[in-house]
Every structure is written in C-alpha cells, then in structure tokens.
Amino acid sequence: MMDKNLAKVVLVCAAAVALSACERAVARSCSTAQDTAVKVSVLADDLNAAEADGRLTSYRLGEIGARIVDAGSRFGAKGNHQSYCAAIDKIRVEAGLR
C-alpha cells in the first residue's frame, strides 16, 4: 500500500511541476504548462488503471513516476513543453499504454 501511495505522490508532483512551468508559445500542440499538465494527468489516470488491472506492478509504477518527475525537471521547469510532452509520450509507449 505504501508503494501505491508513493507512486501517486510522485505523479501528483509531476503534474505540479508541469503546472508551475513558465508558459512559452512554441507550437500548437503542448505549447503551455496546462497542455502538459493535462497530458501528465491523463497518463497518471491510465497508469493507475493499469496497476488496478494488474498490468503494472507498484514497483514499475514507481519507476515510471520517477521518469515523469525527471522529465518535468528537465523540460517542464524550463518551459520546454514540446519536449516534456514528447517525453511523456515515450513513457506512455514504453509502459505499454498505447
């Protein structure tokens, strides 16, 4: 149960990083912090559903959460929303959610 709660905290933190990133107009898709926050939120919901269905372990969910936080630190905090969204898309594919 502790791992599941930790994973949720990590995912919420990643969303917070996305929301606090400065906005910069780069392109239509994923051009704002809100765009990336929505993408992270949808991914978090899908990850939690995959864990509930038994497709992901709590350990794997924690690893994925750490990758989301890392992407947020590298791209979201700098306002590089397109790169952040690309990283989230890659995480989604590697987690088998596409």
PDB file of N, CA and C in Angstrom:
ATOM      1  N   MET A   1       0.822  -1.184   0.000  1.00  0.00           N
ATOM      2  CA  MET A   1       0.000   0.000   0.000  1.00  0.00           C
ATOM      3  C   MET A   1       0.871   1.255   0.000  1.00  0.00           C
ATOM      4  N   MET A   2       2.000   1.200   0.686  1.00  0.00           N
ATOM      5  CA  MET A   2       2.886   2.351   0.753  1.00  0.00           C
ATOM      6  C   MET A   2       3.441   2.686  -0.633  1.00  0.00           C
ATOM      7  N   ASP A   3       3.796   1.668  -1.430  1.00  0.00           N
ATOM      8  CA  ASP A   3       4.317   1.898  -2.770  1.00  0.00           C
ATOM      9  C   ASP A   3       3.279   2.586  -3.643  1.00  0.00           C
ATOM     10  N   LYS A   4       2.042   2.178  -3.530  1.00  0.00           N
ATOM     11  CA  LYS A   4       0.978   2.769  -4.325  1.00  0.00           C
ATOM     12  C   LYS A   4       0.800   4.237  -3.959  1.00  0.00           C
ATOM     13  N   ASN A   5       0.818   4.550  -2.681  1.00  0.00           N
ATOM     14  CA  ASN A   5       0.687   5.933  -2.243  1.00  0.00           C
ATOM     15  C   ASN A   5       1.873   6.762  -2.695  1.00  0.00           C
ATOM     16  N   LEU A   6       3.068   6.204  -2.628  1.00  0.00           N
ATOM     17  CA  LEU A   6       4.266   6.902  -3.068  1.00  0.00           C
ATOM     18  C   LEU A   6       4.193   7.199  -4.557  1.00  0.00           C
ATOM     19  N   ALA A   7       3.752   6.235  -5.330  1.00  0.00           N
ATOM     20  CA  ALA A   7       3.627   6.425  -6.776  1.00  0.00           C
ATOM     21  C   ALA A   7       2.627   7.535  -7.085  1.00  0.00           C
ATOM     22  N   LYS A   8       1.527   7.578  -6.354  1.00  0.00           N
ATOM     23  CA  LYS A   8       0.537   8.629  -6.577  1.00  0.00           C
ATOM     24  C   LYS A   8       1.109   9.998  -6.225  1.00  0.00           C
ATOM     25  N   VAL A   9       1.881  10.067  -5.149  1.00  0.00           N
ATOM     26  CA  VAL A   9       2.501  11.327  -4.760  1.00  0.00           C
ATOM     27  C   VAL A   9       3.466  11.787  -5.851  1.00  0.00           C
ATOM     28  N   VAL A  10       4.239  10.857  -6.391  1.00  0.00           N
ATOM     29  CA  VAL A  10       5.184  11.190  -7.451  1.00  0.00           C
ATOM     30  C   VAL A  10       4.440  11.737  -8.663  1.00  0.00           C
ATOM     31  N   LEU A  11       3.350  11.103  -9.035  1.00  0.00           N
ATOM     32  CA  LEU A  11       2.583  11.555 -10.190  1.00  0.00           C
ATOM     33  C   LEU A  11       1.954  12.929  -9.950  1.00  0.00           C
ATOM     34  N   VAL A  12       1.483  13.170  -8.752  1.00  0.00           N
ATOM     35  CA  VAL A  12       0.920  14.477  -8.426  1.00  0.00           C
ATOM     36  C   VAL A  12       2.017  15.544  -8.476  1.00  0.00           C
ATOM     37  N   CYS A  13       3.195  15.204  -7.994  1.00  0.00           N
ATOM     38  CA  CYS A  13       4.323  16.146  -8.045  1.00  0.00           C
ATOM     39  C   CYS A  13       4.682  16.477  -9.490  1.00  0.00           C
ATOM     40  N   ALA A  14       4.660  15.474 -10.348  1.00  0.00           N
ATOM     41  CA  ALA A  14       4.962  15.701 -11.758  1.00  0.00           C
ATOM     42  C   ALA A  14       3.943  16.658 -12.374  1.00  0.00           C
ATOM     43  N   ALA A  15       2.692  16.485 -12.019  1.00  0.00           N
ATOM     44  CA  ALA A  15       1.663  17.383 -12.532  1.00  0.00           C
ATOM     45  C   ALA A  15       1.878  18.801 -12.010  1.00  0.00           C
ATOM     46  N   ALA A  16       2.293  18.917 -10.764  1.00  0.00           N
ATOM     47  CA  ALA A  16       2.556  20.238 -10.185  1.00  0.00           C
ATOM     48  C   ALA A  16       3.714  20.926 -10.898  1.00  0.00           C
ATOM     49  N   VAL A  17       4.754  20.163 -11.238  1.00  0.00           N
ATOM     50  CA  VAL A  17       5.879  20.727 -11.985  1.00  0.00           C
ATOM     51  C   VAL A  17       5.391  21.245 -13.327  1.00  0.00           C
ATOM     52  N   ALA A  18       4.544  20.465 -13.987  1.00  0.00           N
ATOM     53  CA  ALA A  18       4.016  20.886 -15.285  1.00  0.00           C
ATOM     54  C   ALA A  18       3.200  22.166 -15.154  1.00  0.00           C
ATOM     55  N   LEU A  19       2.381  22.258 -14.110  1.00  0.00           N
ATOM     56  CA  LEU A  19       1.549  23.440 -13.931  1.00  0.00           C
ATOM     57  C   LEU A  19       2.361  24.674 -13.574  1.00  0.00           C
ATOM     58  N   SER A  20       3.464  24.493 -12.875  1.00  0.00           N
ATOM     59  CA  SER A  20       4.245  25.645 -12.446  1.00  0.00           C
ATOM     60  C   SER A  20       5.267  26.093 -13.478  1.00  0.00           C
ATOM     61  N   ALA A  21       5.424  25.331 -14.534  1.00  0.00           N
ATOM     62  CA  ALA A  21       6.390  25.704 -15.575  1.00  0.00           C
ATOM     63  C   ALA A  21       5.950  27.002 -16.235  1.00  0.00           C
ATOM     64  N   CYS A  22       6.932  27.831 -16.603  1.00  0.00           N
ATOM     65  CA  CYS A  22       6.544  29.070 -17.269  1.00  0.00           C
ATOM     66  C   CYS A  22       6.005  28.782 -18.656  1.00  0.00           C
ATOM     67  N   GLU A  23       5.043  29.566 -19.037  1.00  0.00           N
ATOM     68  CA  GLU A  23       4.433  29.355 -20.337  1.00  0.00           C
ATOM     69  C   GLU A  23       5.283  30.039 -21.402  1.00  0.00           C
ATOM     70  N   ARG A  24       5.425  29.356 -22.510  1.00  0.00           N
ATOM     71  CA  ARG A  24       6.161  29.885 -23.643  1.00  0.00           C
ATOM     72  C   ARG A  24       5.469  29.374 -24.895  1.00  0.00           C
ATOM     73  N   ALA A  25       5.143  30.257 -25.796  1.00  0.00           N
ATOM     74  CA  ALA A  25       4.473  29.821 -27.024  1.00  0.00           C
ATOM     75  C   ALA A  25       5.505  29.196 -27.950  1.00  0.00           C
ATOM     76  N   VAL A  26       5.407  27.902 -28.158  1.00  0.00           N
ATOM     77  CA  VAL A  26       6.336  27.204 -29.042  1.00  0.00           C
ATOM     78  C   VAL A  26       5.621  26.616 -30.238  1.00  0.00           C
ATOM     79  N   ALA A  27       4.494  26.017 -30.042  1.00  0.00           N
ATOM     80  CA  ALA A  27       3.733  25.420 -31.134  1.00  0.00           C
ATOM     81  C   ALA A  27       2.318  25.184 -30.655  1.00  0.00           C
ATOM     82  N   ARG A  28       1.469  24.734 -31.539  1.00  0.00           N
ATOM     83  CA  ARG A  28       0.076  24.495 -31.159  1.00  0.00           C
ATOM     84  C   ARG A  28      -0.076  23.376 -30.157  1.00  0.00           C
ATOM     85  N   SER A  29       0.565  22.266 -30.379  1.00  0.00           N
ATOM     86  CA  SER A  29       0.433  21.107 -29.514  1.00  0.00           C
ATOM     87  C   SER A  29       1.414  21.221 -28.357  1.00  0.00           C
ATOM     88  N   CYS A  30       0.901  21.106 -27.152  1.00  0.00           N
ATOM     89  CA  CYS A  30       1.749  21.188 -25.951  1.00  0.00           C
ATOM     90  C   CYS A  30       2.534  22.492 -25.900  1.00  0.00           C
ATOM     91  N   SER A  31       1.828  23.582 -26.064  1.00  0.00           N
ATOM     92  CA  SER A  31       2.512  24.866 -26.057  1.00  0.00           C
ATOM     93  C   SER A  31       2.446  25.578 -24.707  1.00  0.00           C
ATOM     94  N   THR A  32       1.692  25.016 -23.768  1.00  0.00           N
ATOM     95  CA  THR A  32       1.576  25.657 -22.457  1.00  0.00           C
ATOM     96  C   THR A  32       1.769  24.632 -21.341  1.00  0.00           C
ATOM     97  N   ALA A  33       1.980  25.141 -20.161  1.00  0.00           N
ATOM     98  CA  ALA A  33       2.095  24.273 -18.991  1.00  0.00           C
ATOM     99  C   ALA A  33       0.789  23.508 -18.761  1.00  0.00           C
ATOM    100  N   GLN A  34      -0.339  24.145 -19.069  1.00  0.00           N
ATOM    101  CA  GLN A  34      -1.625  23.484 -18.891  1.00  0.00           C
ATOM    102  C   GLN A  34      -1.762  22.289 -19.845  1.00  0.00           C
ATOM    103  N   ASP A  35      -1.254  22.447 -21.074  1.00  0.00           N
ATOM    104  CA  ASP A  35      -1.292  21.333 -22.031  1.00  0.00           C
ATOM    105  C   ASP A  35      -0.515  20.132 -21.499  1.00  0.00           C
ATOM    106  N   THR A  36       0.663  20.398 -20.962  1.00  0.00           N
ATOM    107  CA  THR A  36       1.468  19.293 -20.440  1.00  0.00           C
ATOM    108  C   THR A  36       0.846  18.712 -19.183  1.00  0.00           C
ATOM    109  N   ALA A  37       0.239  19.561 -18.368  1.00  0.00           N
ATOM    110  CA  ALA A  37      -0.407  19.073 -17.141  1.00  0.00           C
ATOM    111  C   ALA A  37      -1.547  18.116 -17.480  1.00  0.00           C
ATOM    112  N   VAL A  38      -2.299  18.434 -18.512  1.00  0.00           N
ATOM    113  CA  VAL A  38      -3.384  17.546 -18.942  1.00  0.00           C
ATOM    114  C   VAL A  38      -2.802  16.218 -19.403  1.00  0.00           C
ATOM    115  N   LYS A  39      -1.718  16.278 -20.172  1.00  0.00           N
ATOM    116  CA  LYS A  39      -1.082  15.056 -20.678  1.00  0.00           C
ATOM    117  C   LYS A  39      -0.579  14.196 -19.516  1.00  0.00           C
ATOM    118  N   VAL A  40       0.030  14.819 -18.518  1.00  0.00           N
ATOM    119  CA  VAL A  40       0.524  14.092 -17.352  1.00  0.00           C
ATOM    120  C   VAL A  40      -0.648  13.515 -16.557  1.00  0.00           C
ATOM    121  N   SER A  41      -1.707  14.276 -16.419  1.00  0.00           N
ATOM    122  CA  SER A  41      -2.874  13.812 -15.672  1.00  0.00           C
ATOM    123  C   SER A  41      -3.520  12.596 -16.335  1.00  0.00           C
ATOM    124  N   VAL A  42      -3.653  12.646 -17.648  1.00  0.00           N
ATOM    125  CA  VAL A  42      -4.236  11.512 -18.377  1.00  0.00           C
ATOM    126  C   VAL A  42      -3.341  10.287 -18.238  1.00  0.00           C
ATOM    127  N   LEU A  43      -2.036  10.505 -18.336  1.00  0.00           N
ATOM    128  CA  LEU A  43      -1.091   9.394 -18.162  1.00  0.00           C
ATOM    129  C   LEU A  43      -1.208   8.811 -16.755  1.00  0.00           C
ATOM    130  N   ALA A  44      -1.297   9.663 -15.741  1.00  0.00           N
ATOM    131  CA  ALA A  44      -1.425   9.193 -14.360  1.00  0.00           C
ATOM    132  C   ALA A  44      -2.681   8.347 -14.188  1.00  0.00           C
ATOM    133  N   ASP A  45      -3.794   8.804 -14.767  1.00  0.00           N
ATOM    134  CA  ASP A  45      -5.037   8.028 -14.690  1.00  0.00           C
ATOM    135  C   ASP A  45      -4.870   6.663 -15.359  1.00  0.00           C
ATOM    136  N   ASP A  46      -4.243   6.666 -16.539  1.00  0.00           N
ATOM    137  CA  ASP A  46      -4.036   5.410 -17.274  1.00  0.00           C
ATOM    138  C   ASP A  46      -3.096   4.468 -16.524  1.00  0.00           C
ATOM    139  N   LEU A  47      -2.079   5.031 -15.886  1.00  0.00           N
ATOM    140  CA  LEU A  47      -1.141   4.209 -15.112  1.00  0.00           C
ATOM    141  C   LEU A  47      -1.835   3.588 -13.902  1.00  0.00           C
ATOM    142  N   ASN A  48      -2.640   4.385 -13.217  1.00  0.00           N
ATOM    143  CA  ASN A  48      -3.365   3.854 -12.062  1.00  0.00           C
ATOM    144  C   ASN A  48      -4.343   2.762 -12.477  1.00  0.00           C
ATOM    145  N   ALA A  49      -4.991   2.948 -13.619  1.00  0.00           N
ATOM    146  CA  ALA A  49      -5.898   1.919 -14.128  1.00  0.00           C
ATOM    147  C   ALA A  49      -5.133   0.652 -14.500  1.00  0.00           C
ATOM    148  N   ALA A  50      -3.963   0.816 -15.106  1.00  0.00           N
ATOM    149  CA  ALA A  50      -3.135  -0.343 -15.477  1.00  0.00           C
ATOM    150  C   ALA A  50      -2.671  -1.093 -14.242  1.00  0.00           C
ATOM    151  N   GLU A  51      -2.365  -0.366 -13.175  1.00  0.00           N
ATOM    152  CA  GLU A  51      -1.969  -1.032 -11.931  1.00  0.00           C
ATOM    153  C   GLU A  51      -3.164  -1.776 -11.329  1.00  0.00           C
ATOM    154  N   ALA A  52      -4.321  -1.129 -11.335  1.00  0.00           N
ATOM    155  CA  ALA A  52      -5.525  -1.755 -10.773  1.00  0.00           C
ATOM    156  C   ALA A  52      -5.902  -3.023 -11.543  1.00  0.00           C
ATOM    157  N   ASP A  53      -5.650  -3.024 -12.846  1.00  0.00           N
ATOM    158  CA  ASP A  53      -5.944  -4.194 -13.688  1.00  0.00           C
ATOM    159  C   ASP A  53      -4.867  -5.271 -13.606  1.00  0.00           C
ATOM    160  N   GLY A  54      -3.769  -4.961 -12.917  1.00  0.00           N
ATOM    161  CA  GLY A  54      -2.689  -5.930 -12.799  1.00  0.00           C
ATOM    162  C   GLY A  54      -1.710  -5.912 -13.958  1.00  0.00           C
ATOM    163  N   ARG A  55      -1.816  -4.910 -14.837  1.00  0.00           N
ATOM    164  CA  ARG A  55      -0.886  -4.821 -15.962  1.00  0.00           C
ATOM    165  C   ARG A  55       0.442  -4.183 -15.563  1.00  0.00           C
ATOM    166  N   LEU A  56       0.446  -3.442 -14.450  1.00  0.00           N
ATOM    167  CA  LEU A  56       1.662  -2.827 -13.923  1.00  0.00           C
ATOM    168  C   LEU A  56       1.770  -3.127 -12.429  1.00  0.00           C
ATOM    169  N   THR A  57       2.980  -3.409 -11.982  1.00  0.00           N
ATOM    170  CA  THR A  57       3.211  -3.597 -10.552  1.00  0.00           C
ATOM    171  C   THR A  57       3.414  -2.237  -9.892  1.00  0.00           C
ATOM    172  N   SER A  58       3.294  -2.189  -8.595  1.00  0.00           N
ATOM    173  CA  SER A  58       3.550  -0.948  -7.862  1.00  0.00           C
ATOM    174  C   SER A  58       4.985  -0.495  -8.065  1.00  0.00           C
ATOM    175  N   TYR A  59       5.892  -1.454  -8.108  1.00  0.00           N
ATOM    176  CA  TYR A  59       7.303  -1.124  -8.317  1.00  0.00           C
ATOM    177  C   TYR A  59       7.495  -0.457  -9.674  1.00  0.00           C
ATOM    178  N   ARG A  60       6.912  -1.041 -10.711  1.00  0.00           N
ATOM    179  CA  ARG A  60       7.030  -0.487 -12.069  1.00  0.00           C
ATOM    180  C   ARG A  60       6.366   0.879 -12.128  1.00  0.00           C
ATOM    181  N   LEU A  61       5.240   1.040 -11.457  1.00  0.00           N
ATOM    182  CA  LEU A  61       4.562   2.322 -11.409  1.00  0.00           C
ATOM    183  C   LEU A  61       5.456   3.387 -10.765  1.00  0.00           C
ATOM    184  N   GLY A  62       6.166   3.008  -9.724  1.00  0.00           N
ATOM    185  CA  GLY A  62       7.101   3.929  -9.086  1.00  0.00           C
ATOM    186  C   GLY A  62       8.234   4.335 -10.009  1.00  0.00           C
ATOM    187  N   GLU A  63       8.757   3.367 -10.773  1.00  0.00           N
ATOM    188  CA  GLU A  63       9.813   3.683 -11.744  1.00  0.00           C
ATOM    189  C   GLU A  63       9.312   4.681 -12.791  1.00  0.00           C
ATOM    190  N   ILE A  64       8.110   4.430 -13.278  1.00  0.00           N
ATOM    191  CA  ILE A  64       7.530   5.310 -14.288  1.00  0.00           C
ATOM    192  C   ILE A  64       7.299   6.701 -13.700  1.00  0.00           C
ATOM    193  N   GLY A  65       6.804   6.748 -12.467  1.00  0.00           N
ATOM    194  CA  GLY A  65       6.606   8.033 -11.794  1.00  0.00           C
ATOM    195  C   GLY A  65       7.899   8.811 -11.671  1.00  0.00           C
ATOM    196  N   ALA A  66       8.989   8.120 -11.372  1.00  0.00           N
ATOM    197  CA  ALA A  66      10.294   8.787 -11.275  1.00  0.00           C
ATOM    198  C   ALA A  66      10.705   9.356 -12.629  1.00  0.00           C
ATOM    199  N   ARG A  67      10.411   8.636 -13.701  1.00  0.00           N
ATOM    200  CA  ARG A  67      10.730   9.131 -15.044  1.00  0.00           C
ATOM    201  C   ARG A  67       9.899  10.365 -15.389  1.00  0.00           C
ATOM    202  N   ILE A  68       8.655  10.384 -14.937  1.00  0.00           N
ATOM    203  CA  ILE A  68       7.808  11.548 -15.182  1.00  0.00           C
ATOM    204  C   ILE A  68       8.360  12.766 -14.446  1.00  0.00           C
ATOM    205  N   VAL A  69       8.748  12.570 -13.201  1.00  0.00           N
ATOM    206  CA  VAL A  69       9.326  13.665 -12.421  1.00  0.00           C
ATOM    207  C   VAL A  69      10.620  14.151 -13.066  1.00  0.00           C
ATOM    208  N   ASP A  70      11.446  13.220 -13.523  1.00  0.00           N
ATOM    209  CA  ASP A  70      12.693  13.593 -14.193  1.00  0.00           C
ATOM    210  C   ASP A  70      12.408  14.426 -15.449  1.00  0.00           C
ATOM    211  N   ALA A  71      11.447  13.992 -16.245  1.00  0.00           N
ATOM    212  CA  ALA A  71      11.086  14.744 -17.450  1.00  0.00           C
ATOM    213  C   ALA A  71      10.583  16.139 -17.081  1.00  0.00           C
ATOM    214  N   GLY A  72       9.793  16.216 -16.025  1.00  0.00           N
ATOM    215  CA  GLY A  72       9.301  17.515 -15.569  1.00  0.00           C
ATOM    216  C   GLY A  72      10.421  18.428 -15.121  1.00  0.00           C
ATOM    217  N   SER A  73      11.401  17.861 -14.450  1.00  0.00           N
ATOM    218  CA  SER A  73      12.545  18.656 -14.002  1.00  0.00           C
ATOM    219  C   SER A  73      13.373  19.153 -15.178  1.00  0.00           C
ATOM    220  N   ARG A  74      13.571  18.267 -16.143  1.00  0.00           N
ATOM    221  CA  ARG A  74      14.403  18.636 -17.294  1.00  0.00           C
ATOM    222  C   ARG A  74      13.712  19.570 -18.267  1.00  0.00           C
ATOM    223  N   PHE A  75      12.438  19.369 -18.512  1.00  0.00           N
ATOM    224  CA  PHE A  75      11.759  20.118 -19.560  1.00  0.00           C
ATOM    225  C   PHE A  75      10.689  21.070 -19.047  1.00  0.00           C
ATOM    226  N   GLY A  76       9.848  20.603 -18.130  1.00  0.00           N
ATOM    227  CA  GLY A  76       8.740  21.417 -17.666  1.00  0.00           C
ATOM    228  C   GLY A  76       9.174  22.676 -16.944  1.00  0.00           C
ATOM    229  N   ALA A  77      10.146  22.545 -16.087  1.00  0.00           N
ATOM    230  CA  ALA A  77      10.615  23.694 -15.313  1.00  0.00           C
ATOM    231  C   ALA A  77      11.261  24.751 -16.195  1.00  0.00           C
ATOM    232  N   LYS A  78      11.722  24.344 -17.372  1.00  0.00           N
ATOM    233  CA  LYS A  78      12.350  25.283 -18.307  1.00  0.00           C
ATOM    234  C   LYS A  78      11.366  25.806 -19.338  1.00  0.00           C
ATOM    235  N   GLY A  79      10.132  25.361 -19.264  1.00  0.00           N
ATOM    236  CA  GLY A  79       9.125  25.817 -20.202  1.00  0.00           C
ATOM    237  C   GLY A  79       9.220  25.160 -21.562  1.00  0.00           C
ATOM    238  N   ASN A  80       9.950  24.057 -21.655  1.00  0.00           N
ATOM    239  CA  ASN A  80      10.082  23.341 -22.921  1.00  0.00           C
ATOM    240  C   ASN A  80       8.966  22.296 -23.002  1.00  0.00           C
ATOM    241  N   HIS A  81       7.779  22.783 -23.267  1.00  0.00           N
ATOM    242  CA  HIS A  81       6.584  21.952 -23.207  1.00  0.00           C
ATOM    243  C   HIS A  81       6.556  20.863 -24.267  1.00  0.00           C
ATOM    244  N   GLN A  82       7.026  21.172 -25.460  1.00  0.00           N
ATOM    245  CA  GLN A  82       7.025  20.157 -26.516  1.00  0.00           C
ATOM    246  C   GLN A  82       7.908  18.971 -26.140  1.00  0.00           C
ATOM    247  N   SER A  83       9.086  19.236 -25.607  1.00  0.00           N
ATOM    248  CA  SER A  83       9.982  18.151 -25.201  1.00  0.00           C
ATOM    249  C   SER A  83       9.392  17.368 -24.032  1.00  0.00           C
ATOM    250  N   TYR A  84       8.737  18.074 -23.129  1.00  0.00           N
ATOM    251  CA  TYR A  84       8.101  17.410 -21.990  1.00  0.00           C
ATOM    252  C   TYR A  84       7.010  16.464 -22.496  1.00  0.00           C
ATOM    253  N   CYS A  85       6.175  16.946 -23.410  1.00  0.00           N
ATOM    254  CA  CYS A  85       5.109  16.102 -23.967  1.00  0.00           C
ATOM    255  C   CYS A  85       5.693  14.914 -24.721  1.00  0.00           C
ATOM    256  N   ALA A  86       6.778  15.132 -25.445  1.00  0.00           N
ATOM    257  CA  ALA A  86       7.417  14.027 -26.170  1.00  0.00           C
ATOM    258  C   ALA A  86       7.926  12.976 -25.183  1.00  0.00           C
ATOM    259  N   ALA A  87       8.491  13.436 -24.068  1.00  0.00           N
ATOM    260  CA  ALA A  87       8.976  12.503 -23.043  1.00  0.00           C
ATOM    261  C   ALA A  87       7.813  11.731 -22.429  1.00  0.00           C
ATOM    262  N   ILE A  88       6.697  12.404 -22.191  1.00  0.00           N
ATOM    263  CA  ILE A  88       5.513  11.742 -21.634  1.00  0.00           C
ATOM    264  C   ILE A  88       4.974  10.715 -22.625  1.00  0.00           C
ATOM    265  N   ASP A  89       4.952  11.072 -23.903  1.00  0.00           N
ATOM    266  CA  ASP A  89       4.504  10.125 -24.930  1.00  0.00           C
ATOM    267  C   ASP A  89       5.396   8.890 -24.967  1.00  0.00           C
ATOM    268  N   LYS A  90       6.701   9.096 -24.844  1.00  0.00           N
ATOM    269  CA  LYS A  90       7.649   7.973 -24.850  1.00  0.00           C
ATOM    270  C   LYS A  90       7.421   7.075 -23.626  1.00  0.00           C
ATOM    271  N   ILE A  91       7.209   7.683 -22.480  1.00  0.00           N
ATOM    272  CA  ILE A  91       6.938   6.927 -21.255  1.00  0.00           C
ATOM    273  C   ILE A  91       5.660   6.100 -21.427  1.00  0.00           C
ATOM    274  N   ARG A  92       4.637   6.718 -22.005  1.00  0.00           N
ATOM    275  CA  ARG A  92       3.369   6.032 -22.242  1.00  0.00           C
ATOM    276  C   ARG A  92       3.572   4.784 -23.110  1.00  0.00           C
ATOM    277  N   VAL A  93       4.311   4.949 -24.200  1.00  0.00           N
ATOM    278  CA  VAL A  93       4.557   3.825 -25.120  1.00  0.00           C
ATOM    279  C   VAL A  93       5.349   2.731 -24.417  1.00  0.00           C
ATOM    280  N   GLU A  94       6.417   3.106 -23.702  1.00  0.00           N
ATOM    281  CA  GLU A  94       7.260   2.128 -23.030  1.00  0.00           C
ATOM    282  C   GLU A  94       6.517   1.408 -21.896  1.00  0.00           C
ATOM    283  N   ALA A  95       5.494   2.051 -21.351  1.00  0.00           N
ATOM    284  CA  ALA A  95       4.694   1.421 -20.296  1.00  0.00           C
ATOM    285  C   ALA A  95       3.621   0.505 -20.904  1.00  0.00           C
ATOM    286  N   GLY A  96       3.528   0.511 -22.219  1.00  0.00           N
ATOM    287  CA  GLY A  96       2.560  -0.354 -22.899  1.00  0.00           C
ATOM    288  C   GLY A  96       1.139   0.183 -22.855  1.00  0.00           C
ATOM    289  N   LEU A  97       1.006   1.501 -22.792  1.00  0.00           N
ATOM    290  CA  LEU A  97      -0.322   2.096 -22.673  1.00  0.00           C
ATOM    291  C   LEU A  97      -0.849   2.654 -23.986  1.00  0.00           C
ATOM    292  N   ARG A  98      -0.159   2.438 -25.056  1.00  0.00           N
ATOM    293  CA  ARG A  98      -0.633   2.946 -26.341  1.00  0.00           C
ATOM    294  C   ARG A  98      -1.163   1.891 -27.193  1.00  0.00           C
TER     295      ARG A  98
END
